[in-house]
Amino acid sequence: MPLLSILETLSVSLCGIAVILWMSIGTIARSKKAEIMGQRAIMSICIFASVILFSLHFLGGDLWGSRNAARPMAVFSLVLAAASVLNLKGKEVQGEVNPHHIRRLRAMENEE
């Protein structure tokens, strides 16, 4: 089954690339344009890896010796794809005041 071994290698490689990009997003985020491009690249890679992982499972292949590992990894890859585009620089996603802002407000109150 050379197709299954190619799909297994490709899916693991894509997941590895996505993880490396995810870990380096702090460096990529120095520029807003580069951050957006990095996040979109991570999302695209993760979605493509998910498609390959689902295909691997339905073709009867296995991942690291387990037939049942491909589907959870595909779902995790989709979650990572969604999470990769959530927080763009300069946009508040939590809707809460951060501790630094609270400290500044208290300092301003103390000055008055």
C-alpha atoms as a PDB file:
ATOM      1  CA  MET A   1       0.000   0.000   0.000  1.00  0.00           C
ATOM      2  CA  PRO A   2       2.296   2.807  -1.135  1.00  0.00           C
ATOM      3  CA  LEU A   3      -0.610   5.300  -1.191  1.00  0.00           C
ATOM      4  CA  LEU A   4      -1.326   4.779   2.499  1.00  0.00           C
ATOM      5  CA  SER A   5       2.316   5.223   3.489  1.00  0.00           C
ATOM      6  CA  ILE A   6       2.508   8.422   1.428  1.00  0.00           C
ATOM      7  CA  LEU A   7      -0.671   9.745   3.086  1.00  0.00           C
ATOM      8  CA  GLU A   8       0.678   8.851   6.528  1.00  0.00           C
ATOM      9  CA  THR A   9       4.004  10.605   5.902  1.00  0.00           C
ATOM     10  CA  LEU A  10       2.306  13.620   4.348  1.00  0.00           C
ATOM     11  CA  SER A  11      -0.194  14.022   7.192  1.00  0.00           C
ATOM     12  CA  VAL A  12       2.473  13.782   9.899  1.00  0.00           C
ATOM     13  CA  SER A  13       4.708  16.202   7.988  1.00  0.00           C
ATOM     14  CA  LEU A  14       1.919  18.756   7.553  1.00  0.00           C
ATOM     15  CA  CYS A  15       1.002  18.533  11.228  1.00  0.00           C
ATOM     16  CA  GLY A  16       4.660  19.047  12.135  1.00  0.00           C
ATOM     17  CA  ILE A  17       4.930  22.101   9.888  1.00  0.00           C
ATOM     18  CA  ALA A  18       1.755  23.543  11.397  1.00  0.00           C
ATOM     19  CA  VAL A  19       3.111  23.035  14.922  1.00  0.00           C
ATOM     20  CA  ILE A  20       6.415  24.716  14.052  1.00  0.00           C
ATOM     21  CA  LEU A  21       4.544  27.676  12.550  1.00  0.00           C
ATOM     22  CA  TRP A  22       2.242  27.785  15.592  1.00  0.00           C
ATOM     23  CA  MET A  23       5.250  27.931  17.932  1.00  0.00           C
ATOM     24  CA  SER A  24       6.912  30.659  15.891  1.00  0.00           C
ATOM     25  CA  ILE A  25       3.837  32.897  15.583  1.00  0.00           C
ATOM     26  CA  GLY A  26       5.334  35.259  18.177  1.00  0.00           C
ATOM     27  CA  THR A  27       8.241  35.960  15.858  1.00  0.00           C
ATOM     28  CA  ILE A  28       5.997  36.128  12.816  1.00  0.00           C
ATOM     29  CA  ALA A  29       3.660  38.552  14.626  1.00  0.00           C
ATOM     30  CA  ARG A  30       6.177  41.399  14.550  1.00  0.00           C
ATOM     31  CA  SER A  31       4.400  42.550  11.417  1.00  0.00           C
ATOM     32  CA  LYS A  32       0.602  42.543  11.207  1.00  0.00           C
ATOM     33  CA  LYS A  33       0.651  41.441   7.569  1.00  0.00           C
ATOM     34  CA  ALA A  34       3.078  38.596   8.309  1.00  0.00           C
ATOM     35  CA  GLU A  35       0.974  37.518  11.292  1.00  0.00           C
ATOM     36  CA  ILE A  36      -2.177  37.313   9.197  1.00  0.00           C
ATOM     37  CA  MET A  37      -0.337  35.406   6.471  1.00  0.00           C
ATOM     38  CA  GLY A  38       1.142  33.043   9.085  1.00  0.00           C
ATOM     39  CA  GLN A  39      -2.239  32.407  10.651  1.00  0.00           C
ATOM     40  CA  ARG A  40      -3.806  31.724   7.275  1.00  0.00           C
ATOM     41  CA  ALA A  41      -0.939  29.377   6.375  1.00  0.00           C
ATOM     42  CA  ILE A  42      -1.427  27.463   9.639  1.00  0.00           C
ATOM     43  CA  MET A  43      -5.170  27.257   9.000  1.00  0.00           C
ATOM     44  CA  SER A  44      -4.702  26.018   5.433  1.00  0.00           C
ATOM     45  CA  ILE A  45      -2.097  23.441   6.414  1.00  0.00           C
ATOM     46  CA  CYS A  46      -4.278  22.152   9.257  1.00  0.00           C
ATOM     47  CA  ILE A  47      -7.359  21.826   7.063  1.00  0.00           C
ATOM     48  CA  PHE A  48      -5.369  20.023   4.377  1.00  0.00           C
ATOM     49  CA  ALA A  49      -3.859  17.725   7.025  1.00  0.00           C
ATOM     50  CA  SER A  50      -7.362  16.979   8.352  1.00  0.00           C
ATOM     51  CA  VAL A  51      -8.576  15.993   4.910  1.00  0.00           C
ATOM     52  CA  ILE A  52      -5.585  13.699   4.504  1.00  0.00           C
ATOM     53  CA  LEU A  53      -6.068  12.197   7.979  1.00  0.00           C
ATOM     54  CA  PHE A  54      -9.764  11.493   7.336  1.00  0.00           C
ATOM     55  CA  SER A  55      -8.814   9.971   3.967  1.00  0.00           C
ATOM     56  CA  LEU A  56      -6.166   7.847   5.653  1.00  0.00           C
ATOM     57  CA  HIS A  57      -8.721   6.519   8.108  1.00  0.00           C
ATOM     58  CA  PHE A  58     -11.378   5.751   5.499  1.00  0.00           C
ATOM     59  CA  LEU A  59      -8.855   4.019   3.215  1.00  0.00           C
ATOM     60  CA  GLY A  60      -7.972   1.646   6.037  1.00  0.00           C
ATOM     61  CA  GLY A  61      -4.602   3.093   6.899  1.00  0.00           C
ATOM     62  CA  ASP A  62      -3.140   3.566  10.317  1.00  0.00           C
ATOM     63  CA  LEU A  63      -1.259   6.308  12.069  1.00  0.00           C
ATOM     64  CA  TRP A  64       1.602   5.306  14.379  1.00  0.00           C
ATOM     65  CA  GLY A  65       0.352   1.736  14.340  1.00  0.00           C
ATOM     66  CA  SER A  66      -3.204   2.592  15.384  1.00  0.00           C
ATOM     67  CA  ARG A  67      -6.172   2.527  13.044  1.00  0.00           C
ATOM     68  CA  ASN A  68      -8.151   4.758  15.427  1.00  0.00           C
ATOM     69  CA  ALA A  69      -5.595   7.573  15.791  1.00  0.00           C
ATOM     70  CA  ALA A  70      -6.233   9.324  12.470  1.00  0.00           C
ATOM     71  CA  ARG A  71      -9.765  10.579  13.184  1.00  0.00           C
ATOM     72  CA  PRO A  72      -9.040  12.252  16.549  1.00  0.00           C
ATOM     73  CA  MET A  73      -5.923  13.828  15.062  1.00  0.00           C
ATOM     74  CA  ALA A  74      -8.003  15.123  12.142  1.00  0.00           C
ATOM     75  CA  VAL A  75     -10.518  16.680  14.531  1.00  0.00           C
ATOM     76  CA  PHE A  76      -7.701  18.171  16.612  1.00  0.00           C
ATOM     77  CA  SER A  77      -6.203  19.595  13.430  1.00  0.00           C
ATOM     78  CA  LEU A  78      -9.522  21.274  12.592  1.00  0.00           C
ATOM     79  CA  VAL A  79      -9.677  22.758  16.096  1.00  0.00           C
ATOM     80  CA  LEU A  80      -6.126  24.053  15.680  1.00  0.00           C
ATOM     81  CA  ALA A  81      -7.111  25.565  12.320  1.00  0.00           C
ATOM     82  CA  ALA A  82      -9.990  27.412  13.954  1.00  0.00           C
ATOM     83  CA  ALA A  83      -7.849  28.544  16.872  1.00  0.00           C
ATOM     84  CA  SER A  84      -5.082  29.801  14.621  1.00  0.00           C
ATOM     85  CA  VAL A  85      -7.201  32.635  13.251  1.00  0.00           C
ATOM     86  CA  LEU A  86      -8.932  33.724  16.456  1.00  0.00           C
ATOM     87  CA  ASN A  87      -6.556  36.301  17.880  1.00  0.00           C
ATOM     88  CA  LEU A  88      -5.323  38.941  15.488  1.00  0.00           C
ATOM     89  CA  LYS A  89      -2.981  41.568  16.862  1.00  0.00           C
ATOM     90  CA  GLY A  90      -4.784  44.568  18.219  1.00  0.00           C
ATOM     91  CA  LYS A  91      -8.178  42.907  18.494  1.00  0.00           C
ATOM     92  CA  GLU A  92      -9.660  42.100  21.885  1.00  0.00           C
ATOM     93  CA  VAL A  93     -11.151  38.608  21.777  1.00  0.00           C
ATOM     94  CA  GLN A  94     -11.853  38.003  25.470  1.00  0.00           C
ATOM     95  CA  GLY A  95     -13.974  41.077  26.043  1.00  0.00           C
ATOM     96  CA  GLU A  96     -12.470  41.555  29.490  1.00  0.00           C
ATOM     97  CA  VAL A  97     -10.195  44.241  30.815  1.00  0.00           C
ATOM     98  CA  ASN A  98      -6.644  43.011  31.105  1.00  0.00           C
ATOM     99  CA  PRO A  99      -4.574  43.485  34.297  1.00  0.00           C
ATOM    100  CA  HIS A 100      -2.336  46.122  32.715  1.00  0.00           C
ATOM    101  CA  HIS A 101      -5.348  48.279  31.888  1.00  0.00           C
ATOM    102  CA  ILE A 102      -6.666  47.892  35.438  1.00  0.00           C
ATOM    103  CA  ARG A 103      -3.279  48.975  36.819  1.00  0.00           C
ATOM    104  CA  ARG A 104      -3.268  52.060  34.583  1.00  0.00           C
ATOM    105  CA  LEU A 105      -6.791  52.989  35.662  1.00  0.00           C
ATOM    106  CA  ARG A 106      -5.830  52.687  39.332  1.00  0.00           C
ATOM    107  CA  ALA A 107      -2.701  54.793  38.771  1.00  0.00           C
ATOM    108  CA  MET A 108      -4.809  57.468  37.087  1.00  0.00           C
ATOM    109  CA  GLU A 109      -7.263  57.442  40.027  1.00  0.00           C
ATOM    110  CA  ASN A 110      -4.405  57.796  42.525  1.00  0.00           C
ATOM    111  CA  GLU A 111      -2.968  60.764  40.634  1.00  0.00           C
ATOM    112  CA  GLU A 112      -6.265  62.645  40.871  1.00  0.00           C
END
